[in-house]
Amino acid sequence: MGKFAVKTVKTGIKFNLKAGNGEIIATSEVYTTKSACLNGIESVRKNAPVAPVEDQTAEGFAVEKNPKFEVYADKAGEFRFRLKARNGEIIAVSEGYKAKASCLNGIESVKKNAPDAEIVEEE
């Protein structure tokens, strides 16, 4: 069972969505307030299960409507995803993956874990 780990950082508050094994599968931006962070979590819970995947690394990829997961290659050539809400705001991002298949597995993990993940406070 996944969990949203809410953590205070120097510049505000953010969350990490962790899989059952404790691996971080998605991270939020840094929010200025806890309530904004909790709203971000609700947005991930609501949008992740229904969001299609837009693979921007594929030639002639189909552009999807928001909410959506965008798969892209970063400057280091690694695959990453970002989850965009209905309004186009980025609500969660991934780490870099060497293989596209691993990145797609990360998306599936977010879709599976986010809806029922509990919220926990972390130091």
PDB file of N, CA and C in Angstrom:
ATOM      1  N   MET A   1       0.842  -1.190   0.000  1.00  0.00           N
ATOM      2  CA  MET A   1       0.000   0.000   0.000  1.00  0.00           C
ATOM      3  C   MET A   1       0.886   1.250   0.000  1.00  0.00           C
ATOM      4  N   GLY A   2       0.615   2.160  -0.895  1.00  0.00           N
ATOM      5  CA  GLY A   2       1.410   3.369  -1.000  1.00  0.00           C
ATOM      6  C   GLY A   2       1.045   4.382   0.067  1.00  0.00           C
ATOM      7  N   LYS A   3       1.872   5.439   0.153  1.00  0.00           N
ATOM      8  CA  LYS A   3       1.550   6.516   1.089  1.00  0.00           C
ATOM      9  C   LYS A   3       2.093   7.831   0.570  1.00  0.00           C
ATOM     10  N   PHE A   4       1.407   8.898   0.933  1.00  0.00           N
ATOM     11  CA  PHE A   4       1.876  10.246   0.657  1.00  0.00           C
ATOM     12  C   PHE A   4       2.627  10.708   1.898  1.00  0.00           C
ATOM     13  N   ALA A   5       3.922  10.919   1.760  1.00  0.00           N
ATOM     14  CA  ALA A   5       4.741  11.384   2.876  1.00  0.00           C
ATOM     15  C   ALA A   5       4.881  12.899   2.756  1.00  0.00           C
ATOM     16  N   VAL A   6       4.267  13.614   3.697  1.00  0.00           N
ATOM     17  CA  VAL A   6       4.297  15.080   3.701  1.00  0.00           C
ATOM     18  C   VAL A   6       5.494  15.520   4.537  1.00  0.00           C
ATOM     19  N   LYS A   7       6.290  16.417   3.973  1.00  0.00           N
ATOM     20  CA  LYS A   7       7.552  16.793   4.621  1.00  0.00           C
ATOM     21  C   LYS A   7       7.778  18.295   4.524  1.00  0.00           C
ATOM     22  N   THR A   8       8.200  18.893   5.629  1.00  0.00           N
ATOM     23  CA  THR A   8       8.549  20.309   5.625  1.00  0.00           C
ATOM     24  C   THR A   8      10.010  20.441   5.200  1.00  0.00           C
ATOM     25  N   VAL A   9      10.245  21.339   4.242  1.00  0.00           N
ATOM     26  CA  VAL A   9      11.593  21.621   3.770  1.00  0.00           C
ATOM     27  C   VAL A   9      11.875  23.106   4.010  1.00  0.00           C
ATOM     28  N   LYS A  10      13.112  23.545   3.760  1.00  0.00           N
ATOM     29  CA  LYS A  10      13.494  24.940   4.043  1.00  0.00           C
ATOM     30  C   LYS A  10      12.543  25.957   3.408  1.00  0.00           C
ATOM     31  N   THR A  11      12.099  25.652   2.194  1.00  0.00           N
ATOM     32  CA  THR A  11      11.320  26.638   1.440  1.00  0.00           C
ATOM     33  C   THR A  11       9.808  26.424   1.512  1.00  0.00           C
ATOM     34  N   GLY A  12       9.339  25.421   2.263  1.00  0.00           N
ATOM     35  CA  GLY A  12       7.897  25.183   2.360  1.00  0.00           C
ATOM     36  C   GLY A  12       7.574  23.754   2.742  1.00  0.00           C
ATOM     37  N   ILE A  13       6.574  23.194   2.052  1.00  0.00           N
ATOM     38  CA  ILE A  13       6.126  21.835   2.363  1.00  0.00           C
ATOM     39  C   ILE A  13       5.852  21.095   1.060  1.00  0.00           C
ATOM     40  N   LYS A  14       6.214  19.818   1.003  1.00  0.00           N
ATOM     41  CA  LYS A  14       6.026  19.027  -0.220  1.00  0.00           C
ATOM     42  C   LYS A  14       5.619  17.613   0.154  1.00  0.00           C
ATOM     43  N   PHE A  15       5.262  16.828  -0.860  1.00  0.00           N
ATOM     44  CA  PHE A  15       4.968  15.417  -0.601  1.00  0.00           C
ATOM     45  C   PHE A  15       5.719  14.530  -1.565  1.00  0.00           C
ATOM     46  N   ASN A  16       5.971  13.313  -1.100  1.00  0.00           N
ATOM     47  CA  ASN A  16       6.483  12.241  -1.943  1.00  0.00           C
ATOM     48  C   ASN A  16       5.441  11.134  -1.906  1.00  0.00           C
ATOM     49  N   LEU A  17       5.086  10.601  -3.062  1.00  0.00           N
ATOM     50  CA  LEU A  17       4.241   9.409  -3.116  1.00  0.00           C
ATOM     51  C   LEU A  17       5.191   8.220  -3.116  1.00  0.00           C
ATOM     52  N   LYS A  18       5.037   7.375  -2.102  1.00  0.00           N
ATOM     53  CA  LYS A  18       5.907   6.209  -1.971  1.00  0.00           C
ATOM     54  C   LYS A  18       5.110   4.938  -2.226  1.00  0.00           C
ATOM     55  N   ALA A  19       5.744   3.995  -2.923  1.00  0.00           N
ATOM     56  CA  ALA A  19       5.134   2.687  -3.165  1.00  0.00           C
ATOM     57  C   ALA A  19       5.196   1.880  -1.864  1.00  0.00           C
ATOM     58  N   GLY A  20       4.556   0.736  -1.849  1.00  0.00           N
ATOM     59  CA  GLY A  20       4.534  -0.136  -0.680  1.00  0.00           C
ATOM     60  C   GLY A  20       5.919  -0.519  -0.184  1.00  0.00           C
ATOM     61  N   ASN A  21       6.904  -0.543  -1.100  1.00  0.00           N
ATOM     62  CA  ASN A  21       8.274  -0.922  -0.719  1.00  0.00           C
ATOM     63  C   ASN A  21       9.095   0.275  -0.225  1.00  0.00           C
ATOM     64  N   GLY A  22       8.456   1.452  -0.129  1.00  0.00           N
ATOM     65  CA  GLY A  22       9.152   2.636   0.366  1.00  0.00           C
ATOM     66  C   GLY A  22       9.840   3.465  -0.696  1.00  0.00           C
ATOM     67  N   GLU A  23       9.859   2.966  -1.950  1.00  0.00           N
ATOM     68  CA  GLU A  23      10.475   3.714  -3.048  1.00  0.00           C
ATOM     69  C   GLU A  23       9.629   4.945  -3.383  1.00  0.00           C
ATOM     70  N   ILE A  24      10.285   6.072  -3.623  1.00  0.00           N
ATOM     71  CA  ILE A  24       9.570   7.283  -4.043  1.00  0.00           C
ATOM     72  C   ILE A  24       9.226   7.136  -5.524  1.00  0.00           C
ATOM     73  N   ILE A  25       7.938   7.258  -5.851  1.00  0.00           N
ATOM     74  CA  ILE A  25       7.534   7.127  -7.250  1.00  0.00           C
ATOM     75  C   ILE A  25       7.110   8.451  -7.866  1.00  0.00           C
ATOM     76  N   ALA A  26       6.797   9.443  -7.029  1.00  0.00           N
ATOM     77  CA  ALA A  26       6.470  10.772  -7.545  1.00  0.00           C
ATOM     78  C   ALA A  26       6.670  11.799  -6.431  1.00  0.00           C
ATOM     79  N   THR A  27       7.025  13.012  -6.840  1.00  0.00           N
ATOM     80  CA  THR A  27       7.307  14.100  -5.914  1.00  0.00           C
ATOM     81  C   THR A  27       6.525  15.335  -6.351  1.00  0.00           C
ATOM     82  N   SER A  28       6.116  16.132  -5.387  1.00  0.00           N
ATOM     83  CA  SER A  28       5.385  17.365  -5.708  1.00  0.00           C
ATOM     84  C   SER A  28       6.340  18.545  -5.789  1.00  0.00           C
ATOM     85  N   GLU A  29       5.775  19.670  -6.194  1.00  0.00           N
ATOM     86  CA  GLU A  29       6.483  20.932  -6.061  1.00  0.00           C
ATOM     87  C   GLU A  29       6.524  21.280  -4.567  1.00  0.00           C
ATOM     88  N   VAL A  30       7.217  22.339  -4.216  1.00  0.00           N
ATOM     89  CA  VAL A  30       7.211  22.815  -2.832  1.00  0.00           C
ATOM     90  C   VAL A  30       6.086  23.835  -2.701  1.00  0.00           C
ATOM     91  N   TYR A  31       5.172  23.562  -1.766  1.00  0.00           N
ATOM     92  CA  TYR A  31       4.038  24.447  -1.521  1.00  0.00           C
ATOM     93  C   TYR A  31       4.354  25.383  -0.364  1.00  0.00           C
ATOM     94  N   THR A  32       3.652  26.527  -0.316  1.00  0.00           N
ATOM     95  CA  THR A  32       3.896  27.480   0.767  1.00  0.00           C
ATOM     96  C   THR A  32       3.108  27.118   2.023  1.00  0.00           C
ATOM     97  N   THR A  33       1.988  26.398   1.871  1.00  0.00           N
ATOM     98  CA  THR A  33       1.177  26.037   3.039  1.00  0.00           C
ATOM     99  C   THR A  33       0.851  24.551   3.024  1.00  0.00           C
ATOM    100  N   LYS A  34       0.545  24.019   4.202  1.00  0.00           N
ATOM    101  CA  LYS A  34       0.175  22.608   4.303  1.00  0.00           C
ATOM    102  C   LYS A  34      -1.138  22.349   3.570  1.00  0.00           C
ATOM    103  N   SER A  35      -2.085  23.279   3.662  1.00  0.00           N
ATOM    104  CA  SER A  35      -3.375  23.060   2.993  1.00  0.00           C
ATOM    105  C   SER A  35      -3.199  22.998   1.479  1.00  0.00           C
ATOM    106  N   ALA A  36      -2.301  23.805   0.932  1.00  0.00           N
ATOM    107  CA  ALA A  36      -2.030  23.749  -0.514  1.00  0.00           C
ATOM    108  C   ALA A  36      -1.411  22.398  -0.870  1.00  0.00           C
ATOM    109  N   CYS A  37      -0.536  21.894  -0.019  1.00  0.00           N
ATOM    110  CA  CYS A  37       0.089  20.587  -0.240  1.00  0.00           C
ATOM    111  C   CYS A  37      -0.973  19.484  -0.217  1.00  0.00           C
ATOM    112  N   LEU A  38      -1.880  19.553   0.753  1.00  0.00           N
ATOM    113  CA  LEU A  38      -2.951  18.556   0.842  1.00  0.00           C
ATOM    114  C   LEU A  38      -3.881  18.633  -0.368  1.00  0.00           C
ATOM    115  N   ASN A  39      -4.110  19.837  -0.877  1.00  0.00           N
ATOM    116  CA  ASN A  39      -4.900  19.988  -2.114  1.00  0.00           C
ATOM    117  C   ASN A  39      -4.182  19.329  -3.283  1.00  0.00           C
ATOM    118  N   GLY A  40      -2.849  19.455  -3.319  1.00  0.00           N
ATOM    119  CA  GLY A  40      -2.057  18.799  -4.363  1.00  0.00           C
ATOM    120  C   GLY A  40      -2.207  17.286  -4.306  1.00  0.00           C
ATOM    121  N   ILE A  41      -2.198  16.741  -3.089  1.00  0.00           N
ATOM    122  CA  ILE A  41      -2.384  15.294  -2.910  1.00  0.00           C
ATOM    123  C   ILE A  41      -3.752  14.875  -3.436  1.00  0.00           C
ATOM    124  N   GLU A  42      -4.783  15.633  -3.080  1.00  0.00           N
ATOM    125  CA  GLU A  42      -6.138  15.312  -3.563  1.00  0.00           C
ATOM    126  C   GLU A  42      -6.197  15.354  -5.081  1.00  0.00           C
ATOM    127  N   SER A  43      -5.503  16.297  -5.675  1.00  0.00           N
ATOM    128  CA  SER A  43      -5.480  16.414  -7.134  1.00  0.00           C
ATOM    129  C   SER A  43      -4.809  15.187  -7.761  1.00  0.00           C
ATOM    130  N   VAL A  44      -3.712  14.713  -7.156  1.00  0.00           N
ATOM    131  CA  VAL A  44      -3.048  13.506  -7.665  1.00  0.00           C
ATOM    132  C   VAL A  44      -3.986  12.307  -7.517  1.00  0.00           C
ATOM    133  N   ARG A  45      -4.631  12.189  -6.359  1.00  0.00           N
ATOM    134  CA  ARG A  45      -5.561  11.071  -6.134  1.00  0.00           C
ATOM    135  C   ARG A  45      -6.659  11.032  -7.186  1.00  0.00           C
ATOM    136  N   LYS A  46      -7.184  12.212  -7.515  1.00  0.00           N
ATOM    137  CA  LYS A  46      -8.312  12.308  -8.441  1.00  0.00           C
ATOM    138  C   LYS A  46      -7.878  12.111  -9.894  1.00  0.00           C
ATOM    139  N   ASN A  47      -6.747  12.707 -10.264  1.00  0.00           N
ATOM    140  CA  ASN A  47      -6.342  12.733 -11.670  1.00  0.00           C
ATOM    141  C   ASN A  47      -5.533  11.527 -12.131  1.00  0.00           C
ATOM    142  N   ALA A  48      -4.677  10.982 -11.261  1.00  0.00           N
ATOM    143  CA  ALA A  48      -3.777   9.906 -11.682  1.00  0.00           C
ATOM    144  C   ALA A  48      -4.500   8.690 -12.276  1.00  0.00           C
ATOM    145  N   PRO A  49      -5.575   8.195 -11.628  1.00  0.00           N
ATOM    146  CA  PRO A  49      -6.193   6.963 -12.156  1.00  0.00           C
ATOM    147  C   PRO A  49      -6.787   7.106 -13.554  1.00  0.00           C
ATOM    148  N   VAL A  50      -7.196   8.323 -13.934  1.00  0.00           N
ATOM    149  CA  VAL A  50      -7.885   8.514 -15.217  1.00  0.00           C
ATOM    150  C   VAL A  50      -6.999   9.146 -16.289  1.00  0.00           C
ATOM    151  N   ALA A  51      -5.793   9.563 -15.916  1.00  0.00           N
ATOM    152  CA  ALA A  51      -4.936  10.302 -16.841  1.00  0.00           C
ATOM    153  C   ALA A  51      -4.317   9.391 -17.893  1.00  0.00           C
ATOM    154  N   PRO A  52      -4.480   9.737 -19.173  1.00  0.00           N
ATOM    155  CA  PRO A  52      -3.792   8.973 -20.224  1.00  0.00           C
ATOM    156  C   PRO A  52      -2.303   9.331 -20.245  1.00  0.00           C
ATOM    157  N   VAL A  53      -1.529   8.547 -20.972  1.00  0.00           N
ATOM    158  CA  VAL A  53      -0.088   8.786 -21.088  1.00  0.00           C
ATOM    159  C   VAL A  53       0.206   9.400 -22.455  1.00  0.00           C
ATOM    160  N   GLU A  54       0.884  10.542 -22.441  1.00  0.00           N
ATOM    161  CA  GLU A  54       1.344  11.198 -23.662  1.00  0.00           C
ATOM    162  C   GLU A  54       2.854  10.960 -23.741  1.00  0.00           C
ATOM    163  N   ASP A  55       3.280  10.099 -24.653  1.00  0.00           N
ATOM    164  CA  ASP A  55       4.700   9.745 -24.774  1.00  0.00           C
ATOM    165  C   ASP A  55       5.388  10.716 -25.720  1.00  0.00           C
ATOM    166  N   GLN A  56       6.010  11.742 -25.158  1.00  0.00           N
ATOM    167  CA  GLN A  56       6.648  12.776 -25.973  1.00  0.00           C
ATOM    168  C   GLN A  56       7.977  12.320 -26.566  1.00  0.00           C
ATOM    169  N   THR A  57       8.401  11.094 -26.229  1.00  0.00           N
ATOM    170  CA  THR A  57       9.637  10.564 -26.814  1.00  0.00           C
ATOM    171  C   THR A  57       9.351   9.795 -28.103  1.00  0.00           C
ATOM    172  N   ALA A  58       8.083   9.549 -28.384  1.00  0.00           N
ATOM    173  CA  ALA A  58       7.710   8.820 -29.604  1.00  0.00           C
ATOM    174  C   ALA A  58       7.508   9.822 -30.742  1.00  0.00           C
ATOM    175  N   GLU A  59       7.969   9.450 -31.918  1.00  0.00           N
ATOM    176  CA  GLU A  59       7.808  10.334 -33.067  1.00  0.00           C
ATOM    177  C   GLU A  59       6.332  10.455 -33.413  1.00  0.00           C
ATOM    178  N   GLY A  60       5.873  11.675 -33.673  1.00  0.00           N
ATOM    179  CA  GLY A  60       4.479  11.903 -34.052  1.00  0.00           C
ATOM    180  C   GLY A  60       3.492  11.495 -32.968  1.00  0.00           C
ATOM    181  N   PHE A  61       3.864  11.703 -31.697  1.00  0.00           N
ATOM    182  CA  PHE A  61       3.001  11.297 -30.580  1.00  0.00           C
ATOM    183  C   PHE A  61       1.671  12.053 -30.599  1.00  0.00           C
ATOM    184  N   ALA A  62       0.644  11.410 -30.076  1.00  0.00           N
ATOM    185  CA  ALA A  62      -0.681  12.026 -29.982  1.00  0.00           C
ATOM    186  C   ALA A  62      -0.718  12.921 -28.750  1.00  0.00           C
ATOM    187  N   VAL A  63      -1.186  14.146 -28.937  1.00  0.00           N
ATOM    188  CA  VAL A  63      -1.311  15.083 -27.821  1.00  0.00           C
ATOM    189  C   VAL A  63      -2.610  14.767 -27.084  1.00  0.00           C
ATOM    190  N   GLU A  64      -2.484  14.522 -25.776  1.00  0.00           N
ATOM    191  CA  GLU A  64      -3.648  14.191 -24.940  1.00  0.00           C
ATOM    192  C   GLU A  64      -4.140  15.446 -24.229  1.00  0.00           C
ATOM    193  N   LYS A  65      -5.404  15.422 -23.819  1.00  0.00           N
ATOM    194  CA  LYS A  65      -5.963  16.514 -23.021  1.00  0.00           C
ATOM    195  C   LYS A  65      -5.591  16.301 -21.564  1.00  0.00           C
ATOM    196  N   ASN A  66      -5.508  17.399 -20.816  1.00  0.00           N
ATOM    197  CA  ASN A  66      -5.277  17.304 -19.371  1.00  0.00           C
ATOM    198  C   ASN A  66      -6.537  16.781 -18.687  1.00  0.00           C
ATOM    199  N   PRO A  67      -6.436  16.037 -17.602  1.00  0.00           N
ATOM    200  CA  PRO A  67      -5.195  15.622 -16.943  1.00  0.00           C
ATOM    201  C   PRO A  67      -4.492  14.543 -17.751  1.00  0.00           C
ATOM    202  N   LYS A  68      -3.156  14.508 -17.625  1.00  0.00           N
ATOM    203  CA  LYS A  68      -2.376  13.507 -18.355  1.00  0.00           C
ATOM    204  C   LYS A  68      -1.010  13.320 -17.718  1.00  0.00           C
ATOM    205  N   PHE A  69      -0.426  12.170 -18.016  1.00  0.00           N
ATOM    206  CA  PHE A  69       0.976  11.916 -17.704  1.00  0.00           C
ATOM    207  C   PHE A  69       1.760  12.239 -18.959  1.00  0.00           C
ATOM    208  N   GLU A  70       2.818  13.015 -18.845  1.00  0.00           N
ATOM    209  CA  GLU A  70       3.704  13.278 -19.970  1.00  0.00           C
ATOM    210  C   GLU A  70       5.017  12.531 -19.728  1.00  0.00           C
ATOM    211  N   VAL A  71       5.421  11.708 -20.694  1.00  0.00           N
ATOM    212  CA  VAL A  71       6.709  11.019 -20.650  1.00  0.00           C
ATOM    213  C   VAL A  71       7.650  11.809 -21.557  1.00  0.00           C
ATOM    214  N   TYR A  72       8.829  12.153 -21.015  1.00  0.00           N
ATOM    215  CA  TYR A  72       9.781  12.920 -21.809  1.00  0.00           C
ATOM    216  C   TYR A  72      11.208  12.511 -21.442  1.00  0.00           C
ATOM    217  N   ALA A  73      12.160  12.915 -22.283  1.00  0.00           N
ATOM    218  CA  ALA A  73      13.581  12.648 -22.012  1.00  0.00           C
ATOM    219  C   ALA A  73      14.207  13.932 -21.475  1.00  0.00           C
ATOM    220  N   ASP A  74      14.958  13.800 -20.376  1.00  0.00           N
ATOM    221  CA  ASP A  74      15.609  14.979 -19.802  1.00  0.00           C
ATOM    222  C   ASP A  74      16.960  15.239 -20.483  1.00  0.00           C
ATOM    223  N   LYS A  75      17.677  16.262 -20.020  1.00  0.00           N
ATOM    224  CA  LYS A  75      18.958  16.638 -20.644  1.00  0.00           C
ATOM    225  C   LYS A  75      19.986  15.510 -20.580  1.00  0.00           C
ATOM    226  N   ALA A  76      19.882  14.669 -19.544  1.00  0.00           N
ATOM    227  CA  ALA A  76      20.830  13.560 -19.391  1.00  0.00           C
ATOM    228  C   ALA A  76      20.420  12.336 -20.217  1.00  0.00           C
ATOM    229  N   GLY A  77      19.297  12.448 -20.941  1.00  0.00           N
ATOM    230  CA  GLY A  77      18.838  11.335 -21.763  1.00  0.00           C
ATOM    231  C   GLY A  77      18.031  10.299 -20.990  1.00  0.00           C
ATOM    232  N   GLU A  78      17.648  10.635 -19.747  1.00  0.00           N
ATOM    233  CA  GLU A  78      16.831   9.713 -18.959  1.00  0.00           C
ATOM    234  C   GLU A  78      15.351  10.019 -19.174  1.00  0.00           C
ATOM    235  N   PHE A  79      14.529   8.998 -18.953  1.00  0.00           N
ATOM    236  CA  PHE A  79      13.087   9.154 -19.112  1.00  0.00           C
ATOM    237  C   PHE A  79      12.478   9.613 -17.792  1.00  0.00           C
ATOM    238  N   ARG A  80      11.556  10.549 -17.882  1.00  0.00           N
ATOM    239  CA  ARG A  80      10.846  11.059 -16.708  1.00  0.00           C
ATOM    240  C   ARG A  80       9.381  11.218 -17.064  1.00  0.00           C
ATOM    241  N   PHE A  81       8.546  11.306 -16.014  1.00  0.00           N
ATOM    242  CA  PHE A  81       7.148  11.657 -16.262  1.00  0.00           C
ATOM    243  C   PHE A  81       6.736  12.787 -15.342  1.00  0.00           C
ATOM    244  N   ARG A  82       5.722  13.514 -15.804  1.00  0.00           N
ATOM    245  CA  ARG A  82       5.079  14.525 -14.966  1.00  0.00           C
ATOM    246  C   ARG A  82       3.583  14.331 -15.110  1.00  0.00           C
ATOM    247  N   LEU A  83       2.876  14.502 -14.019  1.00  0.00           N
ATOM    248  CA  LEU A  83       1.415  14.419 -14.027  1.00  0.00           C
ATOM    249  C   LEU A  83       0.874  15.832 -14.021  1.00  0.00           C
ATOM    250  N   LYS A  84       0.051  16.135 -15.013  1.00  0.00           N
ATOM    251  CA  LYS A  84      -0.565  17.456 -15.097  1.00  0.00           C
ATOM    252  C   LYS A  84      -2.036  17.356 -14.723  1.00  0.00           C
ATOM    253  N   ALA A  85      -2.508  18.335 -13.971  1.00  0.00           N
ATOM    254  CA  ALA A  85      -3.910  18.409 -13.580  1.00  0.00           C
ATOM    255  C   ALA A  85      -4.732  18.927 -14.761  1.00  0.00           C
ATOM    256  N   ARG A  86      -6.028  18.955 -14.565  1.00  0.00           N
ATOM    257  CA  ARG A  86      -6.946  19.423 -15.613  1.00  0.00           C
ATOM    258  C   ARG A  86      -6.593  20.828 -16.089  1.00  0.00           C
ATOM    259  N   ASN A  87      -6.090  21.683 -15.172  1.00  0.00           N
ATOM    260  CA  ASN A  87      -5.768  23.077 -15.515  1.00  0.00           C
ATOM    261  C   ASN A  87      -4.365  23.228 -16.114  1.00  0.00           C
ATOM    262  N   GLY A  88      -3.650  22.101 -16.302  1.00  0.00           N
ATOM    263  CA  GLY A  88      -2.327  22.156 -16.917  1.00  0.00           C
ATOM    264  C   GLY A  88      -1.186  22.307 -15.920  1.00  0.00           C
ATOM    265  N   GLU A  89      -1.508  22.506 -14.634  1.00  0.00           N
ATOM    266  CA  GLU A  89      -0.474  22.601 -13.603  1.00  0.00           C
ATOM    267  C   GLU A  89       0.196  21.244 -13.409  1.00  0.00           C
ATOM    268  N   ILE A  90       1.503  21.245 -13.226  1.00  0.00           N
ATOM    269  CA  ILE A  90       2.222  20.007 -12.912  1.00  0.00           C
ATOM    270  C   ILE A  90       2.016  19.716 -11.431  1.00  0.00           C
ATOM    271  N   ILE A  91       1.468  18.535 -11.122  1.00  0.00           N
ATOM    272  CA  ILE A  91       1.168  18.213  -9.725  1.00  0.00           C
ATOM    273  C   ILE A  91       2.070  17.131  -9.154  1.00  0.00           C
ATOM    274  N   ALA A  92       2.818  16.423 -10.003  1.00  0.00           N
ATOM    275  CA  ALA A  92       3.776  15.428  -9.513  1.00  0.00           C
ATOM    276  C   ALA A  92       4.769  15.122 -10.632  1.00  0.00           C
ATOM    277  N   VAL A  93       6.014  14.841 -10.234  1.00  0.00           N
ATOM    278  CA  VAL A  93       7.063  14.495 -11.193  1.00  0.00           C
ATOM    279  C   VAL A  93       7.805  13.258 -10.700  1.00  0.00           C
ATOM    280  N   SER A  94       8.494  12.610 -11.637  1.00  0.00           N
ATOM    281  CA  SER A  94       9.246  11.395 -11.286  1.00  0.00           C
ATOM    282  C   SER A  94      10.730  11.681 -11.238  1.00  0.00           C
ATOM    283  N   GLU A  95      11.458  10.668 -10.801  1.00  0.00           N
ATOM    284  CA  GLU A  95      12.917  10.673 -10.924  1.00  0.00           C
ATOM    285  C   GLU A  95      13.252  10.313 -12.368  1.00  0.00           C
ATOM    286  N   GLY A  96      14.538  10.307 -12.697  1.00  0.00           N
ATOM    287  CA  GLY A  96      14.965   9.887 -14.029  1.00  0.00           C
ATOM    288  C   GLY A  96      15.107   8.374 -14.088  1.00  0.00           C
ATOM    289  N   TYR A  97      14.679   7.785 -15.196  1.00  0.00           N
ATOM    290  CA  TYR A  97      14.791   6.341 -15.422  1.00  0.00           C
ATOM    291  C   TYR A  97      15.664   6.110 -16.641  1.00  0.00           C
ATOM    292  N   LYS A  98      16.522   5.108 -16.587  1.00  0.00           N
ATOM    293  CA  LYS A  98      17.378   4.778 -17.740  1.00  0.00           C
ATOM    294  C   LYS A  98      16.556   4.179 -18.881  1.00  0.00           C
ATOM    295  N   ALA A  99      15.515   3.405 -18.540  1.00  0.00           N
ATOM    296  CA  ALA A  99      14.694   2.736 -19.558  1.00  0.00           C
ATOM    297  C   ALA A  99      13.277   3.302 -19.559  1.00  0.00           C
ATOM    298  N   LYS A 100      12.723   3.444 -20.764  1.00  0.00           N
ATOM    299  CA  LYS A 100      11.355   3.949 -20.872  1.00  0.00           C
ATOM    300  C   LYS A 100      10.367   3.002 -20.174  1.00  0.00           C
ATOM    301  N   ALA A 101      10.605   1.698 -20.267  1.00  0.00           N
ATOM    302  CA  ALA A 101       9.714   0.718 -19.629  1.00  0.00           C
ATOM    303  C   ALA A 101       9.627   0.966 -18.123  1.00  0.00           C
ATOM    304  N   SER A 102      10.750   1.306 -17.506  1.00  0.00           N
ATOM    305  CA  SER A 102      10.754   1.591 -16.064  1.00  0.00           C
ATOM    306  C   SER A 102       9.938   2.839 -15.760  1.00  0.00           C
ATOM    307  N   CYS A 103      10.040   3.838 -16.617  1.00  0.00           N
ATOM    308  CA  CYS A 103       9.269   5.074 -16.465  1.00  0.00           C
ATOM    309  C   CYS A 103       7.772   4.774 -16.552  1.00  0.00           C
ATOM    310  N   LEU A 104       7.391   3.951 -17.530  1.00  0.00           N
ATOM    311  CA  LEU A 104       5.978   3.574 -17.692  1.00  0.00           C
ATOM    312  C   LEU A 104       5.496   2.758 -16.494  1.00  0.00           C
ATOM    313  N   ASN A 105       6.365   1.918 -15.929  1.00  0.00           N
ATOM    314  CA  ASN A 105       6.014   1.181 -14.716  1.00  0.00           C
ATOM    315  C   ASN A 105       5.783   2.143 -13.564  1.00  0.00           C
ATOM    316  N   GLY A 106       6.577   3.214 -13.501  1.00  0.00           N
ATOM    317  CA  GLY A 106       6.396   4.238 -12.473  1.00  0.00           C
ATOM    318  C   GLY A 106       5.025   4.881 -12.567  1.00  0.00           C
ATOM    319  N   ILE A 107       4.582   5.167 -13.793  1.00  0.00           N
ATOM    320  CA  ILE A 107       3.251   5.746 -14.004  1.00  0.00           C
ATOM    321  C   ILE A 107       2.179   4.775 -13.510  1.00  0.00           C
ATOM    322  N   GLU A 108       2.316   3.503 -13.872  1.00  0.00           N
ATOM    323  CA  GLU A 108       1.331   2.501 -13.427  1.00  0.00           C
ATOM    324  C   GLU A 108       1.294   2.415 -11.905  1.00  0.00           C
ATOM    325  N   SER A 109       2.450   2.544 -11.282  1.00  0.00           N
ATOM    326  CA  SER A 109       2.536   2.504  -9.826  1.00  0.00           C
ATOM    327  C   SER A 109       1.806   3.704  -9.210  1.00  0.00           C
ATOM    328  N   VAL A 110       1.957   4.881  -9.803  1.00  0.00           N
ATOM    329  CA  VAL A 110       1.236   6.068  -9.318  1.00  0.00           C
ATOM    330  C   VAL A 110      -0.269   5.843  -9.464  1.00  0.00           C
ATOM    331  N   LYS A 111      -0.697   5.360 -10.641  1.00  0.00           N
ATOM    332  CA  LYS A 111      -2.126   5.122 -10.872  1.00  0.00           C
ATOM    333  C   LYS A 111      -2.694   4.149  -9.845  1.00  0.00           C
ATOM    334  N   LYS A 112      -1.909   3.133  -9.494  1.00  0.00           N
ATOM    335  CA  LYS A 112      -2.353   2.087  -8.569  1.00  0.00           C
ATOM    336  C   LYS A 112      -2.325   2.568  -7.117  1.00  0.00           C
ATOM    337  N   ASN A 113      -1.264   3.268  -6.733  1.00  0.00           N
ATOM    338  CA  ASN A 113      -1.055   3.634  -5.332  1.00  0.00           C
ATOM    339  C   ASN A 113      -1.761   4.918  -4.883  1.00  0.00           C
ATOM    340  N   ALA A 114      -1.856   5.903  -5.766  1.00  0.00           N
ATOM    341  CA  ALA A 114      -2.341   7.228  -5.355  1.00  0.00           C
ATOM    342  C   ALA A 114      -3.762   7.240  -4.774  1.00  0.00           C
ATOM    343  N   PRO A 115      -4.743   6.569  -5.385  1.00  0.00           N
ATOM    344  CA  PRO A 115      -6.119   6.735  -4.911  1.00  0.00           C
ATOM    345  C   PRO A 115      -6.343   6.386  -3.440  1.00  0.00           C
ATOM    346  N   ASP A 116      -5.662   5.364  -2.933  1.00  0.00           N
ATOM    347  CA  ASP A 116      -5.921   4.901  -1.562  1.00  0.00           C
ATOM    348  C   ASP A 116      -4.751   5.141  -0.620  1.00  0.00           C
ATOM    349  N   ALA A 117      -3.737   5.850  -1.071  1.00  0.00           N
ATOM    350  CA  ALA A 117      -2.552   6.062  -0.238  1.00  0.00           C
ATOM    351  C   ALA A 117      -2.896   6.913   0.978  1.00  0.00           C
ATOM    352  N   GLU A 118      -2.403   6.478   2.142  1.00  0.00           N
ATOM    353  CA  GLU A 118      -2.627   7.275   3.350  1.00  0.00           C
ATOM    354  C   GLU A 118      -1.650   8.445   3.357  1.00  0.00           C
ATOM    355  N   ILE A 119      -1.966   9.469   4.141  1.00  0.00           N
ATOM    356  CA  ILE A 119      -1.102  10.636   4.272  1.00  0.00           C
ATOM    357  C   ILE A 119      -0.382  10.524   5.612  1.00  0.00           C
ATOM    358  N   VAL A 120       0.945  10.595   5.586  1.00  0.00           N
ATOM    359  CA  VAL A 120       1.747  10.544   6.810  1.00  0.00           C
ATOM    360  C   VAL A 120       2.682  11.737   6.857  1.00  0.00           C
ATOM    361  N   GLU A 121       2.988  12.180   8.061  1.00  0.00           N
ATOM    362  CA  GLU A 121       3.950  13.292   8.255  1.00  0.00           C
ATOM    363  C   GLU A 121       5.345  12.680   8.395  1.00  0.00           C
ATOM    364  N   GLU A 122       6.316  13.310   7.755  1.00  0.00           N
ATOM    365  CA  GLU A 122       7.710  12.881   7.899  1.00  0.00           C
ATOM    366  C   GLU A 122       8.540  14.020   8.428  1.00  0.00           C
ATOM    367  N   GLU A 123       9.569  13.663   9.170  1.00  0.00           N
ATOM    368  CA  GLU A 123      10.499  14.698   9.684  1.00  0.00           C
ATOM    369  C   GLU A 123      11.379  15.205   8.578  1.00  0.00           C
TER     370      GLU A 123
END
